[in-house]
N, C-alpha and C. Protein backbone atom coordinates (compact mmCIF):
# COMPACT_ATOMS: atom_id res chain seq x y z
N UNK A 1 104.00 63.48 77.37
CA UNK A 1 103.86 63.55 78.80
C UNK A 1 105.15 64.03 79.47
N UNK A 2 106.29 63.51 78.97
CA UNK A 2 107.57 63.93 79.53
C UNK A 2 107.83 65.41 79.26
N UNK A 3 107.44 65.87 78.06
CA UNK A 3 107.62 67.28 77.73
C UNK A 3 106.83 68.16 78.68
N UNK A 4 105.61 67.79 78.95
CA UNK A 4 104.76 68.55 79.85
C UNK A 4 105.36 68.59 81.26
N UNK A 5 105.89 67.46 81.70
CA UNK A 5 106.52 67.40 83.01
C UNK A 5 107.73 68.34 83.06
N UNK A 6 108.61 68.28 82.07
CA UNK A 6 109.81 69.11 82.07
C UNK A 6 109.49 70.60 81.92
N UNK A 7 108.50 70.91 81.10
CA UNK A 7 108.08 72.30 80.95
C UNK A 7 107.52 72.81 82.27
N UNK A 8 106.70 72.02 82.92
CA UNK A 8 106.13 72.41 84.23
C UNK A 8 107.23 72.58 85.27
N UNK A 9 108.17 71.65 85.30
CA UNK A 9 109.29 71.72 86.23
C UNK A 9 110.13 72.97 85.97
N UNK A 10 110.42 73.25 84.71
CA UNK A 10 111.18 74.44 84.35
C UNK A 10 110.44 75.71 84.77
N UNK A 11 109.15 75.73 84.53
CA UNK A 11 108.33 76.90 84.89
C UNK A 11 108.33 77.13 86.39
N UNK A 12 108.17 76.08 87.17
CA UNK A 12 108.20 76.20 88.64
C UNK A 12 109.57 76.70 89.09
N UNK A 13 110.63 76.14 88.54
CA UNK A 13 111.99 76.56 88.89
C UNK A 13 112.22 78.03 88.53
N UNK A 14 111.77 78.44 87.36
CA UNK A 14 111.93 79.83 86.92
C UNK A 14 111.18 80.79 87.86
N UNK A 15 109.95 80.45 88.21
CA UNK A 15 109.16 81.29 89.13
C UNK A 15 109.85 81.36 90.49
N UNK A 16 110.40 80.25 90.95
CA UNK A 16 111.14 80.23 92.21
C UNK A 16 112.34 81.17 92.17
N UNK A 17 113.10 81.14 91.09
CA UNK A 17 114.26 82.02 90.96
C UNK A 17 113.86 83.49 90.93
N UNK A 18 112.79 83.80 90.22
CA UNK A 18 112.32 85.18 90.15
C UNK A 18 111.89 85.66 91.54
N UNK A 19 111.17 84.82 92.28
CA UNK A 19 110.73 85.19 93.63
C UNK A 19 111.91 85.40 94.57
N UNK A 20 112.93 84.57 94.48
CA UNK A 20 114.09 84.73 95.35
C UNK A 20 114.80 86.04 95.03
N UNK A 21 115.03 86.33 93.77
CA UNK A 21 115.74 87.56 93.42
C UNK A 21 114.89 88.78 93.73
N UNK A 22 113.58 88.68 93.61
CA UNK A 22 112.70 89.80 93.88
C UNK A 22 112.57 90.03 95.39
N UNK A 23 112.61 88.96 96.16
CA UNK A 23 112.42 89.06 97.61
C UNK A 23 113.64 89.63 98.31
N UNK A 24 114.80 89.47 97.74
CA UNK A 24 116.03 89.93 98.39
C UNK A 24 116.46 91.28 97.85
N UNK A 25 115.71 92.30 98.19
CA UNK A 25 116.07 93.65 97.76
C UNK A 25 117.27 94.11 98.58
N UNK A 26 118.19 94.78 97.94
CA UNK A 26 119.44 95.16 98.59
C UNK A 26 119.51 96.67 98.81
N UNK A 27 119.95 97.02 100.03
CA UNK A 27 120.16 98.43 100.35
C UNK A 27 121.27 98.98 99.47
N UNK A 28 121.12 100.22 99.06
CA UNK A 28 122.05 100.95 98.19
C UNK A 28 122.03 100.46 96.74
N UNK A 29 121.28 99.40 96.44
CA UNK A 29 121.11 98.97 95.06
C UNK A 29 119.66 99.19 94.66
N UNK A 30 118.75 98.60 95.42
CA UNK A 30 117.32 98.71 95.13
C UNK A 30 116.66 99.85 95.91
N UNK A 31 117.22 100.19 97.06
CA UNK A 31 116.65 101.27 97.87
C UNK A 31 117.74 101.96 98.68
N UNK A 32 117.44 103.20 99.06
CA UNK A 32 118.33 103.96 99.94
C UNK A 32 117.54 104.37 101.18
N UNK A 33 118.27 104.76 102.20
CA UNK A 33 117.64 105.13 103.47
C UNK A 33 117.95 106.59 103.75
N UNK A 34 116.90 107.32 104.12
CA UNK A 34 117.03 108.72 104.49
C UNK A 34 116.49 108.86 105.91
N UNK A 35 117.37 109.12 106.87
CA UNK A 35 116.97 109.26 108.28
C UNK A 35 117.25 110.69 108.72
N UNK A 36 116.21 111.34 109.28
CA UNK A 36 116.35 112.75 109.69
C UNK A 36 115.80 112.96 111.08
N UNK A 37 116.57 113.69 111.89
CA UNK A 37 116.11 114.15 113.19
C UNK A 37 116.17 115.67 113.15
N UNK A 38 115.01 116.29 113.04
CA UNK A 38 114.98 117.76 112.89
C UNK A 38 115.24 118.46 114.22
N UNK A 39 114.38 118.26 115.19
CA UNK A 39 114.58 118.85 116.51
C UNK A 39 114.44 117.74 117.55
N UNK A 40 115.00 117.94 118.72
CA UNK A 40 114.95 116.89 119.75
C UNK A 40 113.54 116.50 120.17
N UNK A 41 112.60 117.45 120.17
CA UNK A 41 111.26 117.12 120.65
C UNK A 41 110.32 116.60 119.56
N UNK A 42 110.78 116.54 118.33
CA UNK A 42 109.96 116.01 117.23
C UNK A 42 110.36 114.56 116.94
N UNK A 43 109.42 113.80 116.40
CA UNK A 43 109.72 112.44 115.97
C UNK A 43 110.73 112.48 114.83
N UNK A 44 111.60 111.49 114.79
CA UNK A 44 112.53 111.36 113.67
C UNK A 44 111.77 110.79 112.48
N UNK A 45 112.33 110.97 111.29
CA UNK A 45 111.68 110.50 110.06
C UNK A 45 112.62 109.55 109.34
N UNK A 46 112.09 108.41 108.95
CA UNK A 46 112.84 107.40 108.21
C UNK A 46 112.13 107.15 106.89
N UNK A 47 112.80 107.48 105.80
CA UNK A 47 112.24 107.23 104.47
C UNK A 47 113.05 106.12 103.81
N UNK A 48 112.35 105.12 103.31
CA UNK A 48 112.98 104.10 102.48
C UNK A 48 112.64 104.48 101.05
N UNK A 49 113.65 104.83 100.28
CA UNK A 49 113.46 105.30 98.91
C UNK A 49 113.86 104.21 97.93
N UNK A 50 112.88 103.62 97.27
CA UNK A 50 113.15 102.58 96.29
C UNK A 50 113.55 103.24 94.98
N UNK A 51 114.65 102.76 94.43
CA UNK A 51 115.27 103.41 93.29
C UNK A 51 115.03 102.63 92.00
N UNK A 52 115.43 101.37 91.99
CA UNK A 52 115.43 100.63 90.74
C UNK A 52 114.20 99.76 90.53
N UNK A 53 113.36 99.62 91.56
CA UNK A 53 112.22 98.73 91.45
C UNK A 53 111.06 99.28 92.28
N UNK A 54 109.86 99.11 91.77
CA UNK A 54 108.67 99.46 92.55
C UNK A 54 108.28 98.19 93.29
N UNK A 55 108.50 98.12 94.61
CA UNK A 55 108.31 96.86 95.32
C UNK A 55 106.84 96.54 95.59
N UNK A 56 106.61 95.31 95.90
CA UNK A 56 105.31 94.87 96.38
C UNK A 56 105.09 95.55 97.74
N UNK A 57 103.86 95.87 98.07
CA UNK A 57 103.56 96.57 99.32
C UNK A 57 104.05 95.79 100.53
N UNK A 58 103.94 94.48 100.51
CA UNK A 58 104.39 93.68 101.65
C UNK A 58 105.90 93.71 101.80
N UNK A 59 106.63 93.76 100.68
CA UNK A 59 108.09 93.87 100.75
C UNK A 59 108.51 95.21 101.31
N UNK A 60 107.87 96.27 100.85
CA UNK A 60 108.19 97.61 101.35
C UNK A 60 107.89 97.69 102.84
N UNK A 61 106.77 97.12 103.25
CA UNK A 61 106.38 97.11 104.67
C UNK A 61 107.43 96.38 105.51
N UNK A 62 107.88 95.25 105.04
CA UNK A 62 108.88 94.46 105.77
C UNK A 62 110.19 95.24 105.92
N UNK A 63 110.62 95.87 104.85
CA UNK A 63 111.88 96.63 104.90
C UNK A 63 111.75 97.83 105.83
N UNK A 64 110.63 98.53 105.79
CA UNK A 64 110.42 99.68 106.69
C UNK A 64 110.47 99.21 108.14
N UNK A 65 109.80 98.11 108.44
CA UNK A 65 109.81 97.59 109.82
C UNK A 65 111.22 97.17 110.26
N UNK A 66 111.97 96.52 109.36
CA UNK A 66 113.35 96.13 109.68
C UNK A 66 114.19 97.36 110.01
N UNK A 67 114.08 98.39 109.18
CA UNK A 67 114.88 99.59 109.39
C UNK A 67 114.43 100.37 110.63
N UNK A 68 113.13 100.36 110.93
CA UNK A 68 112.65 101.01 112.16
C UNK A 68 113.25 100.31 113.38
N UNK A 69 113.29 98.98 113.36
CA UNK A 69 113.91 98.23 114.47
C UNK A 69 115.38 98.60 114.59
N UNK A 70 116.06 98.66 113.47
CA UNK A 70 117.49 98.97 113.46
C UNK A 70 117.75 100.36 114.04
N UNK A 71 117.05 101.37 113.53
CA UNK A 71 117.26 102.74 114.00
C UNK A 71 116.73 102.92 115.42
N UNK A 72 115.64 102.23 115.76
CA UNK A 72 115.12 102.27 117.12
C UNK A 72 116.11 101.71 118.12
N UNK A 73 116.77 100.61 117.76
CA UNK A 73 117.76 100.04 118.67
C UNK A 73 118.98 100.95 118.80
N UNK A 74 119.33 101.65 117.72
CA UNK A 74 120.43 102.61 117.82
C UNK A 74 120.09 103.75 118.77
N UNK A 75 118.86 104.22 118.70
CA UNK A 75 118.43 105.30 119.60
C UNK A 75 118.41 104.80 121.04
N UNK A 76 117.90 103.58 121.23
CA UNK A 76 117.88 103.00 122.58
C UNK A 76 119.29 102.81 123.10
N UNK A 77 120.17 102.33 122.24
CA UNK A 77 121.57 102.09 122.62
C UNK A 77 122.24 103.39 123.05
N UNK A 78 121.91 104.48 122.39
CA UNK A 78 122.49 105.78 122.71
C UNK A 78 121.72 106.51 123.82
N UNK A 79 120.71 105.82 124.39
CA UNK A 79 119.89 106.39 125.47
C UNK A 79 119.34 107.76 125.12
N UNK A 80 118.76 107.88 123.95
CA UNK A 80 118.23 109.18 123.53
C UNK A 80 116.87 109.43 124.15
N UNK A 81 116.83 110.35 125.05
CA UNK A 81 115.58 110.84 125.62
C UNK A 81 115.38 112.23 125.07
N UNK A 82 114.15 112.61 124.86
CA UNK A 82 113.88 113.98 124.44
C UNK A 82 114.09 114.88 125.64
N UNK A 83 113.43 114.55 126.73
CA UNK A 83 113.59 115.35 127.94
C UNK A 83 112.95 114.63 129.11
N UNK A 84 113.17 115.16 130.28
CA UNK A 84 112.51 114.68 131.48
C UNK A 84 111.73 115.85 132.04
N UNK A 85 110.41 115.75 132.00
CA UNK A 85 109.54 116.82 132.48
C UNK A 85 108.75 116.29 133.66
N UNK A 86 108.83 116.96 134.81
CA UNK A 86 108.09 116.55 136.02
C UNK A 86 108.31 115.07 136.31
N UNK A 87 109.56 114.64 136.27
CA UNK A 87 109.97 113.26 136.55
C UNK A 87 109.39 112.24 135.54
N UNK A 88 108.89 112.70 134.42
CA UNK A 88 108.41 111.80 133.38
C UNK A 88 109.35 111.88 132.19
N UNK A 89 109.81 110.73 131.75
CA UNK A 89 110.73 110.68 130.61
C UNK A 89 109.94 110.77 129.31
N UNK A 90 110.49 111.51 128.35
CA UNK A 90 109.92 111.59 127.01
C UNK A 90 110.92 110.97 126.04
N UNK A 91 110.46 110.05 125.23
CA UNK A 91 111.33 109.28 124.35
C UNK A 91 111.19 109.72 122.90
N UNK A 92 112.22 109.41 122.13
CA UNK A 92 112.24 109.70 120.70
C UNK A 92 111.44 108.63 119.94
N UNK A 93 110.58 109.04 119.03
CA UNK A 93 109.82 108.16 118.16
C UNK A 93 110.34 108.32 116.73
N UNK A 94 110.12 107.28 115.92
CA UNK A 94 110.56 107.32 114.52
C UNK A 94 109.39 106.95 113.63
N UNK A 95 109.08 107.81 112.67
CA UNK A 95 108.01 107.55 111.70
C UNK A 95 108.67 107.05 110.42
N UNK A 96 108.27 105.86 109.97
CA UNK A 96 108.88 105.26 108.79
C UNK A 96 107.89 105.07 107.66
N UNK A 97 108.32 105.42 106.45
CA UNK A 97 107.48 105.25 105.26
C UNK A 97 108.34 104.83 104.08
N UNK A 98 107.68 104.39 103.01
CA UNK A 98 108.39 103.95 101.81
C UNK A 98 107.96 104.78 100.61
N UNK A 99 108.93 105.06 99.75
CA UNK A 99 108.70 105.90 98.58
C UNK A 99 109.37 105.28 97.37
N UNK A 100 108.77 105.51 96.20
CA UNK A 100 109.39 105.11 94.95
C UNK A 100 109.87 106.38 94.25
N UNK A 101 111.15 106.42 93.95
CA UNK A 101 111.75 107.57 93.27
C UNK A 101 111.77 107.27 91.78
N UNK A 102 110.92 107.95 91.05
CA UNK A 102 110.83 107.77 89.61
C UNK A 102 112.01 108.48 88.95
N UNK A 103 112.80 107.75 88.18
CA UNK A 103 113.97 108.33 87.53
C UNK A 103 113.61 109.47 86.58
N UNK A 104 112.43 109.40 85.97
CA UNK A 104 112.02 110.44 85.04
C UNK A 104 111.58 111.72 85.76
N UNK A 105 111.11 111.57 87.00
CA UNK A 105 110.63 112.72 87.76
C UNK A 105 111.01 112.57 89.24
N UNK A 106 112.31 112.66 89.56
CA UNK A 106 112.76 112.42 90.94
C UNK A 106 112.25 113.45 91.95
N UNK A 107 111.82 114.59 91.50
CA UNK A 107 111.31 115.61 92.42
C UNK A 107 109.93 115.26 92.97
N UNK A 108 109.26 114.31 92.35
CA UNK A 108 107.91 113.91 92.79
C UNK A 108 107.86 112.42 93.09
N UNK A 109 108.38 112.01 94.26
CA UNK A 109 108.34 110.59 94.59
C UNK A 109 106.91 110.11 94.83
N UNK A 110 106.70 108.82 94.68
CA UNK A 110 105.39 108.21 94.87
C UNK A 110 105.40 107.45 96.20
N UNK A 111 104.45 107.78 97.08
CA UNK A 111 104.38 107.10 98.37
C UNK A 111 103.80 105.71 98.16
N UNK A 112 104.43 104.72 98.80
CA UNK A 112 103.98 103.34 98.70
C UNK A 112 103.06 103.06 99.89
N UNK A 113 101.84 102.66 99.59
CA UNK A 113 100.88 102.31 100.64
C UNK A 113 101.06 100.83 100.98
N UNK A 114 101.13 100.54 102.29
CA UNK A 114 101.30 99.16 102.73
C UNK A 114 99.99 98.40 102.69
N UNK A 115 98.95 99.04 103.18
CA UNK A 115 97.61 98.49 103.19
C UNK A 115 96.68 99.63 102.83
N UNK A 116 95.40 99.36 102.77
CA UNK A 116 94.45 100.44 102.48
C UNK A 116 94.58 101.53 103.54
N UNK A 117 94.85 102.73 103.12
CA UNK A 117 94.97 103.89 103.99
C UNK A 117 96.08 103.79 105.03
N UNK A 118 97.09 102.96 104.79
CA UNK A 118 98.23 102.88 105.71
C UNK A 118 99.50 103.13 104.93
N UNK A 119 100.13 104.25 105.21
CA UNK A 119 101.34 104.62 104.50
C UNK A 119 102.56 104.77 105.39
N UNK A 120 102.41 104.49 106.72
CA UNK A 120 103.55 104.65 107.61
C UNK A 120 103.40 103.77 108.84
N UNK A 121 104.56 103.43 109.38
CA UNK A 121 104.66 102.74 110.67
C UNK A 121 105.49 103.63 111.59
N UNK A 122 105.33 103.41 112.89
CA UNK A 122 106.04 104.24 113.87
C UNK A 122 106.69 103.34 114.91
N UNK A 123 107.96 103.59 115.17
CA UNK A 123 108.66 102.97 116.29
C UNK A 123 108.49 103.91 117.46
N UNK A 124 107.85 103.40 118.52
CA UNK A 124 107.60 104.22 119.71
C UNK A 124 108.71 103.96 120.71
N UNK A 125 109.44 105.00 121.04
CA UNK A 125 110.59 104.88 121.93
C UNK A 125 110.23 104.43 123.33
N UNK A 126 109.10 104.85 123.83
CA UNK A 126 108.68 104.52 125.19
C UNK A 126 108.42 103.02 125.35
N UNK A 127 107.76 102.42 124.37
CA UNK A 127 107.40 101.00 124.45
C UNK A 127 108.33 100.12 123.63
N UNK A 128 109.14 100.72 122.79
CA UNK A 128 110.06 100.00 121.89
C UNK A 128 109.30 99.01 120.99
N UNK A 129 108.17 99.48 120.48
CA UNK A 129 107.35 98.66 119.58
C UNK A 129 107.09 99.42 118.29
N UNK A 130 106.71 98.68 117.27
CA UNK A 130 106.34 99.27 115.98
C UNK A 130 104.83 99.12 115.81
N UNK A 131 104.19 100.24 115.52
CA UNK A 131 102.73 100.25 115.36
C UNK A 131 102.37 100.97 114.06
N UNK A 132 101.20 100.67 113.50
CA UNK A 132 100.72 101.44 112.35
C UNK A 132 100.47 102.89 112.76
N UNK A 133 100.58 103.80 111.82
CA UNK A 133 100.47 105.22 112.12
C UNK A 133 99.17 105.59 112.85
N UNK A 134 98.00 105.05 112.46
CA UNK A 134 96.78 105.41 113.20
C UNK A 134 96.84 105.04 114.69
N UNK A 135 97.47 103.90 115.02
CA UNK A 135 97.62 103.53 116.43
C UNK A 135 98.57 104.48 117.16
N UNK A 136 99.55 104.99 116.45
CA UNK A 136 100.47 105.98 117.02
C UNK A 136 99.70 107.25 117.38
N UNK A 137 98.78 107.65 116.53
CA UNK A 137 97.98 108.85 116.82
C UNK A 137 97.13 108.63 118.07
N UNK A 138 96.57 107.44 118.25
CA UNK A 138 95.80 107.12 119.46
C UNK A 138 96.73 107.18 120.68
N UNK A 139 97.93 106.65 120.54
CA UNK A 139 98.93 106.68 121.61
C UNK A 139 99.25 108.12 122.01
N UNK A 140 99.44 108.98 121.03
CA UNK A 140 99.74 110.39 121.32
C UNK A 140 98.57 111.08 122.02
N UNK A 141 97.35 110.82 121.56
CA UNK A 141 96.17 111.43 122.18
C UNK A 141 96.04 111.00 123.63
N UNK A 142 96.31 109.73 123.93
CA UNK A 142 96.25 109.25 125.32
C UNK A 142 97.28 109.97 126.17
N UNK A 143 98.48 110.13 125.64
CA UNK A 143 99.54 110.80 126.40
C UNK A 143 99.24 112.28 126.60
N UNK A 144 98.64 112.92 125.61
CA UNK A 144 98.27 114.34 125.75
C UNK A 144 97.19 114.48 126.81
N UNK A 145 96.22 113.58 126.80
CA UNK A 145 95.16 113.62 127.81
C UNK A 145 95.74 113.40 129.21
N UNK A 146 96.72 112.51 129.34
CA UNK A 146 97.38 112.27 130.63
C UNK A 146 98.04 113.54 131.13
N UNK A 147 98.77 114.23 130.23
CA UNK A 147 99.47 115.45 130.60
C UNK A 147 98.48 116.57 130.99
N UNK A 148 97.37 116.65 130.29
CA UNK A 148 96.37 117.67 130.61
C UNK A 148 95.70 117.41 131.94
N UNK A 149 95.50 116.13 132.29
CA UNK A 149 94.89 115.79 133.58
C UNK A 149 95.83 116.03 134.74
N UNK A 150 97.14 115.91 134.50
CA UNK A 150 98.14 116.12 135.57
C UNK A 150 98.29 117.60 135.86
N UNK A 151 98.27 118.43 134.85
CA UNK A 151 98.54 119.87 135.03
C UNK A 151 97.49 120.60 135.80
């Protein structure tokens, strides 16, 4: 009975240690960040590139959201507007996704899906919120319709 108790205790402790080490992925060790702003009127792109480990989808999602908040606050802090057209401000958006860089084939990274059919989140500069990519597309369509009705 004592052996079973100690084996069970050891097993629980071991699983706990594995979860802690797995949950604390470190930037520049387990993943790198690639942030690109191509043109002022285009959304910026944030790629989280996992190097040494293929993360759980929820872990990758959490890291992407953390980094979107970080880069979004930097953009807000620097007051980055795309432009002001007809007294309407246009803000910079950031599209964030996660990728696994296979050491054997680094030219072909594997996109990490967070949920079924969800591979990206977007930080919207106007609202300063993070939304799933499909909701971002709805947001863009609403804004395009607004602009078409004004013109």
